[in-house]
Amino acid sequence: MKQRVKRFWLLLLTGLCFFPGSVCSAIENSSELPVVKIVYARDIDDLPFYVGVEEGFFEQEGVKVELVFIKGEQNALAGVMKNDVQAANISVESLYKLADKEVPVKVVTWLGQAHEGTKCGIHVGVNTPYRTFSDLKGARIATSGNLMPKTMLTHAVHLGGLELKDLRPIYGGRPDNPMQHEAALRAGAVDGFIV
């Protein structure tokens, strides 16, 4: 159980792209710029890839990126596992499933939303009794109500041996400013936030 919880937090604190280990050795042994194929899905979240290729940012960092269109996360994952492509975006929901099945992928960057200097996960006050997932039973956890935080919250309580009905989620109740988070926690308005 501790290993699964540790892996869960590692995934939340890192990100949503993955590379197989074989890419690293290929990059180290090449005298030319290595080519890394990255899956794109014609989604707004892929805009940084287009800009990076167009502006030459990847070449400046010592790698040539080729964008490959593959539809569907399962197909993208199969391409990565076969090393036909070296990286792809993947949703938090799929990441949980992969972690539980111990699929050998590596998360290399976070493409989600967070305030600078903060980490994603369940935030509670320092002077509260909440130390583990199971401690959250009955807690008032505020969330923006978007799919990603709701999925993170659902999976977190699952790892703690609870169900979502064991919490008191407050959807649409998360302020945008981290200072407001602190004020709400100190005032006792909520017991925690998921970000």
Foldseek 3Di string as FASTA:
>chain_A
DVVLVVVLQVDQQFAFKWFFPVVVVVCVPDPAQEEAEEEDAPDPLCVVVVCCQVVVVVVVVRHHYDYDYDPDPVRVVVCRVVVVHTMYGDAPLVVSVCVVVVPPIDGHHHSDDDDPPDTFFKDFDPPDPDDALLVQQAFEEEEQQDPRQVSRNQVRNVVNVHGPVRYNYDHNPDDPDVVVQVVCRVVVVGGIYGD
